[in-house]
């Protein structure tokens, strides 16, 4: 009996490594920012309480400046937190894309000839 060989192929996608949930990464990045914001809020309350007992133009000016600076700083911190989340998501997408690889296996199958 004679045989011939036919080349067969199988294609699939292979996932290297395990899936890494990176949501926790942005939490680690944002933790110091949350702590700063908490400390700022405490400072703002303390200063606000002290300034409420004060009168005069200087106290009013300090209150206004405090409000403006606190709002600006809190806004900047919120923006940084959003950027951290966005960067982590972008990184996660890159890793997921690189983790998936298409592979094709070729093999020869022995087939009897008639």
PDB file of N, CA and C in Angstrom:
ATOM      1  N   UNK A   1       0.846  -1.182   0.000  1.00  0.00           N
ATOM      2  CA  UNK A   1       0.000   0.000   0.000  1.00  0.00           C
ATOM      3  C   UNK A   1       0.889   1.243   0.000  1.00  0.00           C
ATOM      4  N   UNK A   2       0.496   2.167  -0.839  1.00  0.00           N
ATOM      5  CA  UNK A   2       1.253   3.412  -0.949  1.00  0.00           C
ATOM      6  C   UNK A   2       0.495   4.532  -0.236  1.00  0.00           C
ATOM      7  N   UNK A   3       1.298   5.479   0.228  1.00  0.00           N
ATOM      8  CA  UNK A   3       0.711   6.623   0.945  1.00  0.00           C
ATOM      9  C   UNK A   3       1.207   7.921   0.343  1.00  0.00           C
ATOM     10  N   UNK A   4       0.378   8.901   0.451  1.00  0.00           N
ATOM     11  CA  UNK A   4       0.774  10.269   0.111  1.00  0.00           C
ATOM     12  C   UNK A   4       0.561  11.121   1.362  1.00  0.00           C
ATOM     13  N   UNK A   5       1.126  12.286   1.312  1.00  0.00           N
ATOM     14  CA  UNK A   5       0.996  13.192   2.467  1.00  0.00           C
ATOM     15  C   UNK A   5       0.281  14.457   2.041  1.00  0.00           C
ATOM     16  N   UNK A   6      -0.674  14.800   2.823  1.00  0.00           N
ATOM     17  CA  UNK A   6      -1.399  16.062   2.601  1.00  0.00           C
ATOM     18  C   UNK A   6      -1.070  16.998   3.755  1.00  0.00           C
ATOM     19  N   UNK A   7      -0.852  18.228   3.392  1.00  0.00           N
ATOM     20  CA  UNK A   7      -0.569  19.213   4.431  1.00  0.00           C
ATOM     21  C   UNK A   7      -1.887  19.792   4.938  1.00  0.00           C
ATOM     22  N   UNK A   8      -2.041  19.710   6.224  1.00  0.00           N
ATOM     23  CA  UNK A   8      -3.236  20.262   6.879  1.00  0.00           C
ATOM     24  C   UNK A   8      -2.798  21.436   7.745  1.00  0.00           C
ATOM     25  N   UNK A   9      -3.752  22.234   8.072  1.00  0.00           N
ATOM     26  CA  UNK A   9      -3.425  23.347   8.964  1.00  0.00           C
ATOM     27  C   UNK A   9      -4.568  23.583   9.939  1.00  0.00           C
ATOM     28  N   UNK A  10      -4.183  24.078  11.103  1.00  0.00           N
ATOM     29  CA  UNK A  10      -5.145  24.444  12.148  1.00  0.00           C
ATOM     30  C   UNK A  10      -4.764  25.832  12.631  1.00  0.00           C
ATOM     31  N   UNK A  11      -5.729  26.728  12.646  1.00  0.00           N
ATOM     32  CA  UNK A  11      -5.479  28.100  13.125  1.00  0.00           C
ATOM     33  C   UNK A  11      -6.311  28.353  14.371  1.00  0.00           C
ATOM     34  N   UNK A  12      -5.705  29.081  15.283  1.00  0.00           N
ATOM     35  CA  UNK A  12      -6.404  29.431  16.518  1.00  0.00           C
ATOM     36  C   UNK A  12      -5.768  30.674  17.117  1.00  0.00           C
ATOM     37  N   UNK A  13      -6.384  31.187  18.136  1.00  0.00           N
ATOM     38  CA  UNK A  13      -5.791  32.281  18.903  1.00  0.00           C
ATOM     39  C   UNK A  13      -5.361  31.733  20.240  1.00  0.00           C
ATOM     40  N   UNK A  14      -4.192  32.162  20.682  1.00  0.00           N
ATOM     41  CA  UNK A  14      -3.667  31.689  21.951  1.00  0.00           C
ATOM     42  C   UNK A  14      -3.504  32.889  22.874  1.00  0.00           C
ATOM     43  N   UNK A  15      -3.910  32.710  24.123  1.00  0.00           N
ATOM     44  CA  UNK A  15      -3.768  33.779  25.112  1.00  0.00           C
ATOM     45  C   UNK A  15      -2.574  33.475  26.008  1.00  0.00           C
ATOM     46  N   UNK A  16      -1.538  34.284  25.867  1.00  0.00           N
ATOM     47  CA  UNK A  16      -0.367  34.138  26.713  1.00  0.00           C
ATOM     48  C   UNK A  16      -0.653  34.774  28.062  1.00  0.00           C
ATOM     49  N   UNK A  17      -0.040  34.252  29.072  1.00  0.00           N
ATOM     50  CA  UNK A  17      -0.181  34.761  30.440  1.00  0.00           C
ATOM     51  C   UNK A  17      -1.626  34.672  30.908  1.00  0.00           C
ATOM     52  N   UNK A  18      -1.867  35.152  32.083  1.00  0.00           N
ATOM     53  CA  UNK A  18      -3.230  35.170  32.611  1.00  0.00           C
ATOM     54  C   UNK A  18      -3.774  36.572  32.492  1.00  0.00           C
ATOM     55  N   UNK A  19      -5.058  36.665  32.506  1.00  0.00           N
ATOM     56  CA  UNK A  19      -5.695  37.979  32.415  1.00  0.00           C
ATOM     57  C   UNK A  19      -5.373  38.775  33.675  1.00  0.00           C
ATOM     58  N   UNK A  20      -4.924  39.991  33.493  1.00  0.00           N
ATOM     59  CA  UNK A  20      -4.541  40.835  34.624  1.00  0.00           C
ATOM     60  C   UNK A  20      -5.551  41.960  34.761  1.00  0.00           C
ATOM     61  N   UNK A  21      -6.294  41.910  35.817  1.00  0.00           N
ATOM     62  CA  UNK A  21      -7.241  42.997  36.077  1.00  0.00           C
ATOM     63  C   UNK A  21      -6.449  44.187  36.614  1.00  0.00           C
ATOM     64  N   UNK A  22      -6.459  45.264  35.885  1.00  0.00           N
ATOM     65  CA  UNK A  22      -5.616  46.399  36.239  1.00  0.00           C
ATOM     66  C   UNK A  22      -6.367  47.534  36.915  1.00  0.00           C
ATOM     67  N   UNK A  23      -7.627  47.300  37.255  1.00  0.00           N
ATOM     68  CA  UNK A  23      -8.369  48.369  37.912  1.00  0.00           C
ATOM     69  C   UNK A  23      -7.672  48.772  39.217  1.00  0.00           C
ATOM     70  N   UNK A  24      -7.084  47.784  39.871  1.00  0.00           N
ATOM     71  CA  UNK A  24      -6.414  48.049  41.133  1.00  0.00           C
ATOM     72  C   UNK A  24      -5.194  48.955  40.942  1.00  0.00           C
ATOM     73  N   UNK A  25      -4.629  48.942  39.749  1.00  0.00           N
ATOM     74  CA  UNK A  25      -3.458  49.778  39.473  1.00  0.00           C
ATOM     75  C   UNK A  25      -3.813  51.263  39.586  1.00  0.00           C
ATOM     76  N   UNK A  26      -4.955  51.653  39.035  1.00  0.00           N
ATOM     77  CA  UNK A  26      -5.329  53.065  39.128  1.00  0.00           C
ATOM     78  C   UNK A  26      -5.661  53.440  40.576  1.00  0.00           C
ATOM     79  N   UNK A  27      -6.190  52.481  41.349  1.00  0.00           N
ATOM     80  CA  UNK A  27      -6.444  52.758  42.767  1.00  0.00           C
ATOM     81  C   UNK A  27      -5.142  53.047  43.501  1.00  0.00           C
ATOM     82  N   UNK A  28      -4.092  52.290  43.175  1.00  0.00           N
ATOM     83  CA  UNK A  28      -2.791  52.532  43.804  1.00  0.00           C
ATOM     84  C   UNK A  28      -2.238  53.901  43.398  1.00  0.00           C
ATOM     85  N   UNK A  29      -2.418  54.258  42.155  1.00  0.00           N
ATOM     86  CA  UNK A  29      -1.932  55.558  41.688  1.00  0.00           C
ATOM     87  C   UNK A  29      -2.723  56.709  42.316  1.00  0.00           C
ATOM     88  N   UNK A  30      -4.025  56.497  42.496  1.00  0.00           N
ATOM     89  CA  UNK A  30      -4.884  57.573  42.987  1.00  0.00           C
ATOM     90  C   UNK A  30      -4.936  57.676  44.507  1.00  0.00           C
ATOM     91  N   UNK A  31      -4.446  56.665  45.207  1.00  0.00           N
ATOM     92  CA  UNK A  31      -4.509  56.697  46.667  1.00  0.00           C
ATOM     93  C   UNK A  31      -3.809  57.932  47.255  1.00  0.00           C
ATOM     94  N   UNK A  32      -2.581  58.257  46.844  1.00  0.00           N
ATOM     95  CA  UNK A  32      -1.949  59.470  47.388  1.00  0.00           C
ATOM     96  C   UNK A  32      -2.733  60.745  47.057  1.00  0.00           C
ATOM     97  N   UNK A  33      -3.354  60.776  45.883  1.00  0.00           N
ATOM     98  CA  UNK A  33      -4.145  61.957  45.518  1.00  0.00           C
ATOM     99  C   UNK A  33      -5.375  62.081  46.417  1.00  0.00           C
ATOM    100  N   UNK A  34      -6.012  60.957  46.719  1.00  0.00           N
ATOM    101  CA  UNK A  34      -7.171  60.993  47.632  1.00  0.00           C
ATOM    102  C   UNK A  34      -6.742  61.454  49.016  1.00  0.00           C
ATOM    103  N   UNK A  35      -5.572  60.986  49.462  1.00  0.00           N
ATOM    104  CA  UNK A  35      -5.068  61.405  50.770  1.00  0.00           C
ATOM    105  C   UNK A  35      -4.797  62.911  50.791  1.00  0.00           C
ATOM    106  N   UNK A  36      -4.202  63.417  49.728  1.00  0.00           N
ATOM    107  CA  UNK A  36      -3.945  64.863  49.642  1.00  0.00           C
ATOM    108  C   UNK A  36      -5.259  65.625  49.674  1.00  0.00           C
ATOM    109  N   UNK A  37      -6.250  65.150  48.905  1.00  0.00           N
ATOM    110  CA  UNK A  37      -7.545  65.828  48.883  1.00  0.00           C
ATOM    111  C   UNK A  37      -8.203  65.804  50.265  1.00  0.00           C
ATOM    112  N   UNK A  38      -8.088  64.681  50.972  1.00  0.00           N
ATOM    113  CA  UNK A  38      -8.646  64.593  52.325  1.00  0.00           C
ATOM    114  C   UNK A  38      -7.961  65.576  53.271  1.00  0.00           C
ATOM    115  N   UNK A  39      -6.638  65.651  53.175  1.00  0.00           N
ATOM    116  CA  UNK A  39      -5.901  66.607  54.022  1.00  0.00           C
ATOM    117  C   UNK A  39      -6.258  68.052  53.669  1.00  0.00           C
ATOM    118  N   UNK A  40      -6.428  68.293  52.377  1.00  0.00           N
ATOM    119  CA  UNK A  40      -6.825  69.650  51.959  1.00  0.00           C
ATOM    120  C   UNK A  40      -8.195  70.009  52.510  1.00  0.00           C
ATOM    121  N   UNK A  41      -9.112  69.058  52.488  1.00  0.00           N
ATOM    122  CA  UNK A  41     -10.455  69.320  53.016  1.00  0.00           C
ATOM    123  C   UNK A  41     -10.399  69.621  54.514  1.00  0.00           C
ATOM    124  N   UNK A  42      -9.568  68.889  55.233  1.00  0.00           N
ATOM    125  CA  UNK A  42      -9.404  69.143  56.669  1.00  0.00           C
ATOM    126  C   UNK A  42      -8.825  70.535  56.907  1.00  0.00           C
ATOM    127  N   UNK A  43      -7.802  70.862  56.129  1.00  0.00           N
ATOM    128  CA  UNK A  43      -7.197  72.192  56.255  1.00  0.00           C
ATOM    129  C   UNK A  43      -8.201  73.274  55.913  1.00  0.00           C
ATOM    130  N   UNK A  44      -8.973  73.043  54.861  1.00  0.00           N
ATOM    131  CA  UNK A  44      -9.980  74.020  54.449  1.00  0.00           C
ATOM    132  C   UNK A  44     -11.010  74.238  55.564  1.00  0.00           C
ATOM    133  N   UNK A  45     -11.450  73.160  56.205  1.00  0.00           N
ATOM    134  CA  UNK A  45     -12.407  73.290  57.318  1.00  0.00           C
ATOM    135  C   UNK A  45     -11.799  74.068  58.486  1.00  0.00           C
ATOM    136  N   UNK A  46     -10.553  73.711  58.836  1.00  0.00           N
ATOM    137  CA  UNK A  46      -9.893  74.394  59.960  1.00  0.00           C
ATOM    138  C   UNK A  46      -9.721  75.886  59.679  1.00  0.00           C
ATOM    139  N   UNK A  47      -9.236  76.187  58.490  1.00  0.00           N
ATOM    140  CA  UNK A  47      -9.051  77.597  58.128  1.00  0.00           C
ATOM    141  C   UNK A  47     -10.390  78.321  58.027  1.00  0.00           C
ATOM    142  N   UNK A  48     -11.377  77.630  57.464  1.00  0.00           N
ATOM    143  CA  UNK A  48     -12.709  78.234  57.345  1.00  0.00           C
ATOM    144  C   UNK A  48     -13.300  78.550  58.705  1.00  0.00           C
ATOM    145  N   UNK A  49     -13.163  77.625  59.652  1.00  0.00           N
ATOM    146  CA  UNK A  49     -13.656  77.867  61.009  1.00  0.00           C
ATOM    147  C   UNK A  49     -12.945  79.053  61.648  1.00  0.00           C
ATOM    148  N   UNK A  50     -11.642  79.105  61.454  1.00  0.00           N
ATOM    149  CA  UNK A  50     -10.871  80.211  62.033  1.00  0.00           C
ATOM    150  C   UNK A  50     -11.246  81.545  61.378  1.00  0.00           C
ATOM    151  N   UNK A  51     -11.408  81.517  60.073  1.00  0.00           N
ATOM    152  CA  UNK A  51     -11.721  82.770  59.365  1.00  0.00           C
ATOM    153  C   UNK A  51     -13.144  83.246  59.650  1.00  0.00           C
ATOM    154  N   UNK A  52     -14.050  82.348  59.990  1.00  0.00           N
ATOM    155  CA  UNK A  52     -15.421  82.745  60.339  1.00  0.00           C
ATOM    156  C   UNK A  52     -15.425  83.625  61.581  1.00  0.00           C
ATOM    157  N   UNK A  53     -14.455  83.411  62.449  1.00  0.00           N
ATOM    158  CA  UNK A  53     -14.380  84.209  63.678  1.00  0.00           C
ATOM    159  C   UNK A  53     -13.672  85.537  63.468  1.00  0.00           C
ATOM    160  N   UNK A  54     -13.085  85.691  62.300  1.00  0.00           N
ATOM    161  CA  UNK A  54     -12.346  86.924  62.003  1.00  0.00           C
ATOM    162  C   UNK A  54     -13.229  87.877  61.204  1.00  0.00           C
ATOM    163  N   UNK A  55     -12.939  89.136  61.326  1.00  0.00           N
ATOM    164  CA  UNK A  55     -13.675  90.152  60.575  1.00  0.00           C
ATOM    165  C   UNK A  55     -12.675  91.069  59.889  1.00  0.00           C
ATOM    166  N   UNK A  56     -13.138  91.707  58.863  1.00  0.00           N
ATOM    167  CA  UNK A  56     -12.298  92.684  58.193  1.00  0.00           C
ATOM    168  C   UNK A  56     -11.984  92.295  56.759  1.00  0.00           C
ATOM    169  N   UNK A  57     -11.389  93.267  56.088  1.00  0.00           N
ATOM    170  CA  UNK A  57     -11.061  93.103  54.681  1.00  0.00           C
ATOM    171  C   UNK A  57     -10.053  91.990  54.445  1.00  0.00           C
ATOM    172  N   UNK A  58      -9.067  91.922  55.307  1.00  0.00           N
ATOM    173  CA  UNK A  58      -8.024  90.908  55.150  1.00  0.00           C
ATOM    174  C   UNK A  58      -8.616  89.498  55.285  1.00  0.00           C
ATOM    175  N   UNK A  59      -9.458  89.300  56.280  1.00  0.00           N
ATOM    176  CA  UNK A  59     -10.085  87.987  56.483  1.00  0.00           C
ATOM    177  C   UNK A  59     -10.957  87.629  55.283  1.00  0.00           C
ATOM    178  N   UNK A  60     -11.701  88.600  54.763  1.00  0.00           N
ATOM    179  CA  UNK A  60     -12.549  88.352  53.591  1.00  0.00           C
ATOM    180  C   UNK A  60     -11.705  87.981  52.371  1.00  0.00           C
ATOM    181  N   UNK A  61     -10.593  88.688  52.204  1.00  0.00           N
ATOM    182  CA  UNK A  61      -9.709  88.403  51.069  1.00  0.00           C
ATOM    183  C   UNK A  61      -9.107  86.990  51.197  1.00  0.00           C
ATOM    184  N   UNK A  62      -8.701  86.634  52.402  1.00  0.00           N
ATOM    185  CA  UNK A  62      -8.136  85.302  52.630  1.00  0.00           C
ATOM    186  C   UNK A  62      -9.181  84.225  52.340  1.00  0.00           C
ATOM    187  N   UNK A  63     -10.427  84.435  52.751  1.00  0.00           N
ATOM    188  CA  UNK A  63     -11.509  83.478  52.480  1.00  0.00           C
ATOM    189  C   UNK A  63     -11.697  83.275  50.980  1.00  0.00           C
ATOM    190  N   UNK A  64     -11.719  84.398  50.254  1.00  0.00           N
ATOM    191  CA  UNK A  64     -11.900  84.311  48.798  1.00  0.00           C
ATOM    192  C   UNK A  64     -10.742  83.549  48.144  1.00  0.00           C
ATOM    193  N   UNK A  65      -9.515  83.911  48.528  1.00  0.00           N
ATOM    194  CA  UNK A  65      -8.336  83.241  47.963  1.00  0.00           C
ATOM    195  C   UNK A  65      -8.331  81.754  48.310  1.00  0.00           C
ATOM    196  N   UNK A  66      -8.705  81.444  49.537  1.00  0.00           N
ATOM    197  CA  UNK A  66      -8.757  80.057  49.971  1.00  0.00           C
ATOM    198  C   UNK A  66      -9.753  79.270  49.118  1.00  0.00           C
ATOM    199  N   UNK A  67     -10.928  79.831  48.906  1.00  0.00           N
ATOM    200  CA  UNK A  67     -11.940  79.155  48.081  1.00  0.00           C
ATOM    201  C   UNK A  67     -11.438  78.923  46.659  1.00  0.00           C
ATOM    202  N   UNK A  68     -10.867  79.956  46.065  1.00  0.00           N
ATOM    203  CA  UNK A  68     -10.390  79.856  44.683  1.00  0.00           C
ATOM    204  C   UNK A  68      -9.279  78.808  44.575  1.00  0.00           C
ATOM    205  N   UNK A  69      -8.299  78.872  45.472  1.00  0.00           N
ATOM    206  CA  UNK A  69      -7.161  77.939  45.412  1.00  0.00           C
ATOM    207  C   UNK A  69      -7.605  76.506  45.690  1.00  0.00           C
ATOM    208  N   UNK A  70      -8.505  76.310  46.632  1.00  0.00           N
ATOM    209  CA  UNK A  70      -8.974  74.964  46.952  1.00  0.00           C
ATOM    210  C   UNK A  70      -9.747  74.370  45.773  1.00  0.00           C
ATOM    211  N   UNK A  71     -10.609  75.161  45.162  1.00  0.00           N
ATOM    212  CA  UNK A  71     -11.374  74.664  44.012  1.00  0.00           C
ATOM    213  C   UNK A  71     -10.437  74.297  42.869  1.00  0.00           C
ATOM    214  N   UNK A  72      -9.467  75.153  42.603  1.00  0.00           N
ATOM    215  CA  UNK A  72      -8.511  74.905  41.529  1.00  0.00           C
ATOM    216  C   UNK A  72      -7.690  73.640  41.791  1.00  0.00           C
ATOM    217  N   UNK A  73      -7.228  73.509  43.014  1.00  0.00           N
ATOM    218  CA  UNK A  73      -6.400  72.356  43.362  1.00  0.00           C
ATOM    219  C   UNK A  73      -7.205  71.067  43.336  1.00  0.00           C
ATOM    220  N   UNK A  74      -8.421  71.087  43.878  1.00  0.00           N
ATOM    221  CA  UNK A  74      -9.264  69.890  43.856  1.00  0.00           C
ATOM    222  C   UNK A  74      -9.616  69.500  42.423  1.00  0.00           C
ATOM    223  N   UNK A  75      -9.828  70.488  41.592  1.00  0.00           N
ATOM    224  CA  UNK A  75     -10.110  70.219  40.182  1.00  0.00           C
ATOM    225  C   UNK A  75      -8.898  69.565  39.508  1.00  0.00           C
ATOM    226  N   UNK A  76      -7.711  70.064  39.815  1.00  0.00           N
ATOM    227  CA  UNK A  76      -6.488  69.484  39.240  1.00  0.00           C
ATOM    228  C   UNK A  76      -6.299  68.043  39.717  1.00  0.00           C
ATOM    229  N   UNK A  77      -6.577  67.787  40.986  1.00  0.00           N
ATOM    230  CA  UNK A  77      -6.446  66.430  41.522  1.00  0.00           C
ATOM    231  C   UNK A  77      -7.450  65.500  40.845  1.00  0.00           C
ATOM    232  N   UNK A  78      -8.678  65.967  40.668  1.00  0.00           N
ATOM    233  CA  UNK A  78      -9.681  65.143  39.980  1.00  0.00           C
ATOM    234  C   UNK A  78      -9.261  64.839  38.554  1.00  0.00           C
ATOM    235  N   UNK A  79      -8.686  65.810  37.882  1.00  0.00           N
ATOM    236  CA  UNK A  79      -8.197  65.606  36.515  1.00  0.00           C
ATOM    237  C   UNK A  79      -7.082  64.565  36.496  1.00  0.00           C
ATOM    238  N   UNK A  80      -6.173  64.632  37.464  1.00  0.00           N
ATOM    239  CA  UNK A  80      -5.091  63.643  37.536  1.00  0.00           C
ATOM    240  C   UNK A  80      -5.658  62.247  37.774  1.00  0.00           C
ATOM    241  N   UNK A  81      -6.675  62.134  38.626  1.00  0.00           N
ATOM    242  CA  UNK A  81      -7.291  60.826  38.878  1.00  0.00           C
ATOM    243  C   UNK A  81      -7.912  60.264  37.600  1.00  0.00           C
ATOM    244  N   UNK A  82      -8.607  61.114  36.862  1.00  0.00           N
ATOM    245  CA  UNK A  82      -9.207  60.657  35.596  1.00  0.00           C
ATOM    246  C   UNK A  82      -8.125  60.240  34.599  1.00  0.00           C
ATOM    247  N   UNK A  83      -7.026  60.989  34.556  1.00  0.00           N
ATOM    248  CA  UNK A  83      -5.927  60.640  33.654  1.00  0.00           C
ATOM    249  C   UNK A  83      -5.298  59.310  34.055  1.00  0.00           C
ATOM    250  N   UNK A  84      -5.149  59.072  35.341  1.00  0.00           N
ATOM    251  CA  UNK A  84      -4.601  57.787  35.791  1.00  0.00           C
ATOM    252  C   UNK A  84      -5.488  56.639  35.316  1.00  0.00           C
ATOM    253  N   UNK A  85      -6.778  56.781  35.495  1.00  0.00           N
ATOM    254  CA  UNK A  85      -7.714  55.731  35.071  1.00  0.00           C
ATOM    255  C   UNK A  85      -7.625  55.527  33.562  1.00  0.00           C
ATOM    256  N   UNK A  86      -7.569  56.628  32.820  1.00  0.00           N
ATOM    257  CA  UNK A  86      -7.474  56.543  31.362  1.00  0.00           C
ATOM    258  C   UNK A  86      -6.174  55.871  30.925  1.00  0.00           C
ATOM    259  N   UNK A  87      -5.066  56.246  31.538  1.00  0.00           N
ATOM    260  CA  UNK A  87      -3.762  55.655  31.171  1.00  0.00           C
ATOM    261  C   UNK A  87      -3.730  54.169  31.508  1.00  0.00           C
ATOM    262  N   UNK A  88      -4.281  53.798  32.661  1.00  0.00           N
ATOM    263  CA  UNK A  88      -4.313  52.377  33.040  1.00  0.00           C
ATOM    264  C   UNK A  88      -5.167  51.599  32.037  1.00  0.00           C
ATOM    265  N   UNK A  89      -6.296  52.172  31.634  1.00  0.00           N
ATOM    266  CA  UNK A  89      -7.148  51.494  30.646  1.00  0.00           C
ATOM    267  C   UNK A  89      -6.431  51.344  29.302  1.00  0.00           C
ATOM    268  N   UNK A  90      -5.712  52.370  28.887  1.00  0.00           N
ATOM    269  CA  UNK A  90      -4.943  52.281  27.630  1.00  0.00           C
ATOM    270  C   UNK A  90      -3.874  51.201  27.736  1.00  0.00           C
ATOM    271  N   UNK A  91      -3.175  51.182  28.841  1.00  0.00           N
ATOM    272  CA  UNK A  91      -2.142  50.178  29.056  1.00  0.00           C
ATOM    273  C   UNK A  91      -2.760  48.779  29.062  1.00  0.00           C
ATOM    274  N   UNK A  92      -3.899  48.655  29.722  1.00  0.00           N
ATOM    275  CA  UNK A  92      -4.595  47.365  29.786  1.00  0.00           C
ATOM    276  C   UNK A  92      -4.961  46.887  28.380  1.00  0.00           C
ATOM    277  N   UNK A  93      -5.446  47.796  27.541  1.00  0.00           N
ATOM    278  CA  UNK A  93      -5.792  47.427  26.167  1.00  0.00           C
ATOM    279  C   UNK A  93      -4.571  46.978  25.371  1.00  0.00           C
ATOM    280  N   UNK A  94      -3.454  47.652  25.574  1.00  0.00           N
ATOM    281  CA  UNK A  94      -2.214  47.271  24.878  1.00  0.00           C
ATOM    282  C   UNK A  94      -1.787  45.875  25.316  1.00  0.00           C
ATOM    283  N   UNK A  95      -1.819  45.630  26.616  1.00  0.00           N
ATOM    284  CA  UNK A  95      -1.418  44.319  27.142  1.00  0.00           C
ATOM    285  C   UNK A  95      -2.347  43.229  26.625  1.00  0.00           C
ATOM    286  N   UNK A  96      -3.641  43.498  26.628  1.00  0.00           N
ATOM    287  CA  UNK A  96      -4.603  42.501  26.150  1.00  0.00           C
ATOM    288  C   UNK A  96      -4.393  42.197  24.670  1.00  0.00           C
ATOM    289  N   UNK A  97      -4.085  43.234  23.897  1.00  0.00           N
ATOM    290  CA  UNK A  97      -3.851  43.045  22.466  1.00  0.00           C
ATOM    291  C   UNK A  97      -2.584  42.215  22.231  1.00  0.00           C
ATOM    292  N   UNK A  98      -1.550  42.484  23.015  1.00  0.00           N
ATOM    293  CA  UNK A  98      -0.297  41.751  22.853  1.00  0.00           C
ATOM    294  C   UNK A  98      -0.400  40.333  23.409  1.00  0.00           C
ATOM    295  N   UNK A  99      -1.257  40.135  24.360  1.00  0.00           N
ATOM    296  CA  UNK A  99      -1.420  38.838  25.001  1.00  0.00           C
ATOM    297  C   UNK A  99      -2.044  37.826  24.040  1.00  0.00           C
ATOM    298  N   UNK A 100      -2.909  38.286  23.181  1.00  0.00           N
ATOM    299  CA  UNK A 100      -3.590  37.411  22.218  1.00  0.00           C
ATOM    300  C   UNK A 100      -2.739  37.316  20.953  1.00  0.00           C
ATOM    301  N   UNK A 101      -2.386  36.082  20.614  1.00  0.00           N
ATOM    302  CA  UNK A 101      -1.595  35.845  19.415  1.00  0.00           C
ATOM    303  C   UNK A 101      -2.298  34.801  18.555  1.00  0.00           C
ATOM    304  N   UNK A 102      -2.405  35.111  17.277  1.00  0.00           N
ATOM    305  CA  UNK A 102      -2.956  34.130  16.332  1.00  0.00           C
ATOM    306  C   UNK A 102      -1.828  33.191  15.928  1.00  0.00           C
ATOM    307  N   UNK A 103      -2.115  31.899  15.968  1.00  0.00           N
ATOM    308  CA  UNK A 103      -1.102  30.917  15.577  1.00  0.00           C
ATOM    309  C   UNK A 103      -1.717  29.942  14.576  1.00  0.00           C
ATOM    310  N   UNK A 104      -0.875  29.466  13.689  1.00  0.00           N
ATOM    311  CA  UNK A 104      -1.284  28.468  12.696  1.00  0.00           C
ATOM    312  C   UNK A 104      -0.289  27.317  12.756  1.00  0.00           C
ATOM    313  N   UNK A 105      -0.827  26.136  12.907  1.00  0.00           N
ATOM    314  CA  UNK A 105      -0.007  24.923  12.937  1.00  0.00           C
ATOM    315  C   UNK A 105      -0.212  24.163  11.629  1.00  0.00           C
ATOM    316  N   UNK A 106       0.885  23.772  11.025  1.00  0.00           N
ATOM    317  CA  UNK A 106       0.838  22.969   9.804  1.00  0.00           C
ATOM    318  C   UNK A 106       1.349  21.567  10.137  1.00  0.00           C
ATOM    319  N   UNK A 107       0.703  20.585   9.599  1.00  0.00           N
ATOM    320  CA  UNK A 107       1.162  19.211   9.800  1.00  0.00           C
ATOM    321  C   UNK A 107       0.834  18.401   8.554  1.00  0.00           C
ATOM    322  N   UNK A 108       1.544  17.307   8.429  1.00  0.00           N
ATOM    323  CA  UNK A 108       1.298  16.436   7.286  1.00  0.00           C
ATOM    324  C   UNK A 108       0.553  15.205   7.751  1.00  0.00           C
ATOM    325  N   UNK A 109      -0.440  14.925   6.970  1.00  0.00           N
ATOM    326  CA  UNK A 109      -1.302  13.761   7.270  1.00  0.00           C
ATOM    327  C   UNK A 109      -1.056  12.691   6.211  1.00  0.00           C
ATOM    328  N   UNK A 110      -0.819  11.500   6.698  1.00  0.00           N
ATOM    329  CA  UNK A 110      -0.562  10.378   5.798  1.00  0.00           C
ATOM    330  C   UNK A 110      -1.899   9.827   5.298  1.00  0.00           C
ATOM    331  N   UNK A 111      -2.033   9.769   3.976  1.00  0.00           N
ATOM    332  CA  UNK A 111      -3.293   9.325   3.370  1.00  0.00           C
ATOM    333  C   UNK A 111      -2.969   8.181   2.409  1.00  0.00           C
ATOM    334  N   UNK A 112      -3.692   7.060   2.530  1.00  0.00           N
ATOM    335  CA  UNK A 112      -3.441   5.950   1.587  1.00  0.00           C
ATOM    336  C   UNK A 112      -3.908   6.318   0.171  1.00  0.00           C
ATOM    337  N   UNK A 113      -3.153   5.924  -0.784  1.00  0.00           N
ATOM    338  CA  UNK A 113      -3.558   6.157  -2.182  1.00  0.00           C
ATOM    339  C   UNK A 113      -4.223   4.896  -2.709  1.00  0.00           C
ATOM    340  N   UNK A 114      -5.211   5.099  -3.508  1.00  0.00           N
ATOM    341  CA  UNK A 114      -5.966   3.963  -4.058  1.00  0.00           C
ATOM    342  C   UNK A 114      -5.494   3.540  -5.413  1.00  0.00           C
TER     343      UNK A 114
END
